[in-house]
Amino acid sequence: MSETGKHGKKSEGSPRNRRLGNRAIGDQLRQMYKGVVDESVPDEFLQLLEEAEAKERAGNGTTGGEA
C-alpha cells in the first residue's frame, strides 16, 4: 500500500528521511528567527514607540504606571 500526501501525490522517501528533512527545515527556521531576534531596534523606531506611549498616557490621563 502506498502513502499519498497532500494533493493526492505519492509521498517519496521513508518516514525517517521525512523526519530528517523536517528537522533540517526546523533548524534552519530557528537559525533565521534567532538572527531576526538578535537584530537591534533602530533608534528612530524606539523614539516613535516612546512618542506613541506618551500620547496614550496623555489621552488616558495616567502618569505612566502599569495598568
N, C-alpha and C. Protein backbone atom coordinates (compact mmCIF):
# COMPACT_ATOMS: atom_id res chain seq x y z
N MET A 1 0.86 -1.18 0.00
CA MET A 1 0.00 0.00 0.00
C MET A 1 0.90 1.23 0.00
N SER A 2 0.66 2.15 -0.91
CA SER A 2 1.49 3.35 -0.98
C SER A 2 0.82 4.50 -0.25
N GLU A 3 1.66 5.37 0.34
CA GLU A 3 1.13 6.55 1.04
C GLU A 3 0.93 7.66 0.03
N THR A 4 -0.14 8.42 0.21
CA THR A 4 -0.33 9.60 -0.62
C THR A 4 -0.28 10.81 0.27
N GLY A 5 0.36 11.82 -0.22
CA GLY A 5 0.49 13.05 0.54
C GLY A 5 -0.60 14.02 0.15
N LYS A 6 -0.38 15.27 0.51
CA LYS A 6 -1.31 16.35 0.17
C LYS A 6 -1.49 16.39 -1.34
N HIS A 7 -2.65 16.67 -1.80
CA HIS A 7 -2.98 16.78 -3.22
C HIS A 7 -2.98 15.43 -3.93
N GLY A 8 -3.01 14.33 -3.18
CA GLY A 8 -3.13 13.03 -3.78
C GLY A 8 -1.88 12.50 -4.43
N LYS A 9 -0.74 13.17 -4.28
CA LYS A 9 0.50 12.71 -4.88
C LYS A 9 1.17 11.70 -3.97
N LYS A 10 1.86 10.76 -4.58
CA LYS A 10 2.56 9.75 -3.81
C LYS A 10 3.70 10.39 -3.02
N SER A 11 3.76 10.10 -1.72
CA SER A 11 4.84 10.63 -0.88
C SER A 11 6.12 9.88 -1.21
N GLU A 12 7.23 10.59 -1.26
CA GLU A 12 8.50 9.96 -1.55
C GLU A 12 9.35 9.94 -0.30
N GLY A 13 10.14 8.91 -0.17
CA GLY A 13 11.04 8.80 0.96
C GLY A 13 10.39 8.09 2.13
N SER A 14 11.26 7.57 2.97
CA SER A 14 10.78 6.86 4.15
C SER A 14 10.38 7.86 5.22
N PRO A 15 9.59 7.39 6.19
CA PRO A 15 9.25 8.30 7.30
C PRO A 15 10.49 8.85 8.00
N ARG A 16 11.56 8.04 8.09
CA ARG A 16 12.79 8.51 8.72
C ARG A 16 13.40 9.65 7.92
N ASN A 17 13.45 9.52 6.60
CA ASN A 17 14.01 10.58 5.76
C ASN A 17 13.17 11.84 5.84
N ARG A 18 11.85 11.71 5.91
CA ARG A 18 10.99 12.88 6.05
C ARG A 18 11.23 13.57 7.38
N ARG A 19 11.41 12.79 8.45
CA ARG A 19 11.69 13.39 9.77
C ARG A 19 13.00 14.15 9.74
N LEU A 20 14.02 13.56 9.09
CA LEU A 20 15.32 14.24 8.99
C LEU A 20 15.19 15.53 8.19
N GLY A 21 14.41 15.50 7.12
CA GLY A 21 14.18 16.70 6.32
C GLY A 21 13.44 17.75 7.12
N ASN A 22 12.43 17.32 7.86
CA ASN A 22 11.67 18.27 8.68
C ASN A 22 12.55 18.86 9.77
N ARG A 23 13.42 18.04 10.33
CA ARG A 23 14.34 18.55 11.38
C ARG A 23 15.28 19.59 10.78
N ALA A 24 15.80 19.33 9.58
CA ALA A 24 16.71 20.28 8.94
C ALA A 24 16.00 21.60 8.65
N ILE A 25 14.77 21.52 8.18
CA ILE A 25 13.98 22.74 7.93
C ILE A 25 13.75 23.48 9.23
N GLY A 26 13.40 22.76 10.28
CA GLY A 26 13.18 23.38 11.58
C GLY A 26 14.43 24.07 12.10
N ASP A 27 15.57 23.42 11.93
CA ASP A 27 16.84 24.01 12.37
C ASP A 27 17.13 25.30 11.62
N GLN A 28 16.90 25.29 10.31
CA GLN A 28 17.14 26.49 9.51
C GLN A 28 16.19 27.62 9.90
N LEU A 29 14.93 27.29 10.15
CA LEU A 29 13.97 28.32 10.57
C LEU A 29 14.35 28.91 11.92
N ARG A 30 14.77 28.06 12.86
CA ARG A 30 15.20 28.57 14.17
C ARG A 30 16.41 29.48 14.03
N GLN A 31 17.35 29.11 13.15
CA GLN A 31 18.54 29.94 12.94
C GLN A 31 18.15 31.30 12.35
N MET A 32 17.24 31.30 11.37
CA MET A 32 16.80 32.56 10.78
C MET A 32 16.07 33.41 11.80
N TYR A 33 15.20 32.80 12.61
CA TYR A 33 14.44 33.52 13.62
C TYR A 33 15.39 34.13 14.65
N LYS A 34 16.39 33.37 15.07
CA LYS A 34 17.35 33.88 16.05
C LYS A 34 18.06 35.11 15.50
N GLY A 35 18.39 35.09 14.21
CA GLY A 35 19.04 36.24 13.59
C GLY A 35 18.17 37.48 13.64
N VAL A 36 16.88 37.31 13.42
CA VAL A 36 15.95 38.44 13.45
C VAL A 36 15.80 38.95 14.89
N VAL A 37 15.69 38.03 15.83
CA VAL A 37 15.52 38.41 17.24
C VAL A 37 16.75 39.16 17.75
N ASP A 38 17.92 38.76 17.29
CA ASP A 38 19.16 39.37 17.76
C ASP A 38 19.44 40.74 17.15
N GLU A 39 18.69 41.12 16.11
CA GLU A 39 18.90 42.43 15.49
C GLU A 39 18.50 43.53 16.46
N SER A 40 19.22 44.63 16.42
CA SER A 40 18.87 45.75 17.30
C SER A 40 17.70 46.54 16.69
N VAL A 41 16.99 47.23 17.57
CA VAL A 41 15.86 48.05 17.13
C VAL A 41 16.41 49.45 16.81
N PRO A 42 16.09 49.97 15.63
CA PRO A 42 16.60 51.30 15.26
C PRO A 42 16.12 52.37 16.24
N ASP A 43 16.98 53.35 16.50
CA ASP A 43 16.66 54.43 17.44
C ASP A 43 15.39 55.18 17.03
N GLU A 44 15.21 55.37 15.72
CA GLU A 44 14.02 56.09 15.24
C GLU A 44 12.74 55.35 15.62
N PHE A 45 12.79 54.03 15.55
CA PHE A 45 11.62 53.23 15.90
C PHE A 45 11.34 53.32 17.40
N LEU A 46 12.39 53.25 18.20
CA LEU A 46 12.21 53.39 19.65
C LEU A 46 11.62 54.74 20.00
N GLN A 47 12.07 55.79 19.31
CA GLN A 47 11.54 57.13 19.55
C GLN A 47 10.06 57.19 19.21
N LEU A 48 9.67 56.58 18.09
CA LEU A 48 8.26 56.55 17.71
C LEU A 48 7.41 55.83 18.77
N LEU A 49 7.94 54.72 19.28
CA LEU A 49 7.22 53.99 20.32
C LEU A 49 7.05 54.83 21.59
N GLU A 50 8.12 55.53 21.97
CA GLU A 50 8.05 56.40 23.15
C GLU A 50 7.02 57.51 22.96
N GLU A 51 7.00 58.11 21.76
CA GLU A 51 6.03 59.17 21.48
C GLU A 51 4.60 58.63 21.52
N ALA A 52 4.39 57.45 20.96
CA ALA A 52 3.05 56.85 20.96
C ALA A 52 2.60 56.55 22.39
N GLU A 53 3.51 56.04 23.21
CA GLU A 53 3.17 55.76 24.61
C GLU A 53 2.85 57.04 25.36
N ALA A 54 3.61 58.11 25.10
CA ALA A 54 3.36 59.40 25.75
C ALA A 54 1.98 59.94 25.36
N LYS A 55 1.63 59.82 24.08
CA LYS A 55 0.31 60.28 23.64
C LYS A 55 -0.79 59.45 24.28
N GLU A 56 -0.55 58.14 24.39
CA GLU A 56 -1.56 57.27 25.02
C GLU A 56 -1.74 57.63 26.49
N ARG A 57 -0.64 57.88 27.20
CA ARG A 57 -0.73 58.27 28.61
C ARG A 57 -1.46 59.60 28.74
N ALA A 58 -1.16 60.54 27.87
CA ALA A 58 -1.81 61.85 27.92
C ALA A 58 -3.30 61.72 27.64
N GLY A 59 -3.66 60.86 26.73
CA GLY A 59 -5.07 60.66 26.39
C GLY A 59 -5.85 59.94 27.48
N ASN A 60 -5.16 59.08 28.23
CA ASN A 60 -5.81 58.33 29.31
C ASN A 60 -5.73 59.04 30.64
N GLY A 61 -4.94 60.08 30.71
CA GLY A 61 -4.81 60.82 31.97
C GLY A 61 -4.00 60.07 33.00
N THR A 62 -3.15 59.11 32.56
CA THR A 62 -2.31 58.39 33.51
C THR A 62 -0.93 58.98 33.52
N THR A 63 -0.12 58.58 34.52
CA THR A 63 1.23 59.13 34.65
C THR A 63 2.29 58.16 34.20
N GLY A 64 1.91 56.98 33.67
CA GLY A 64 2.92 56.10 33.11
C GLY A 64 3.09 54.78 33.83
N GLY A 65 2.36 54.51 34.91
CA GLY A 65 2.48 53.23 35.61
C GLY A 65 1.77 52.15 34.85
N GLU A 66 2.02 50.90 35.24
CA GLU A 66 1.34 49.76 34.62
C GLU A 66 -0.12 49.77 35.03
N ALA A 67 -0.99 49.46 34.09
CA ALA A 67 -2.43 49.44 34.38
C ALA A 67 -2.85 48.09 34.88
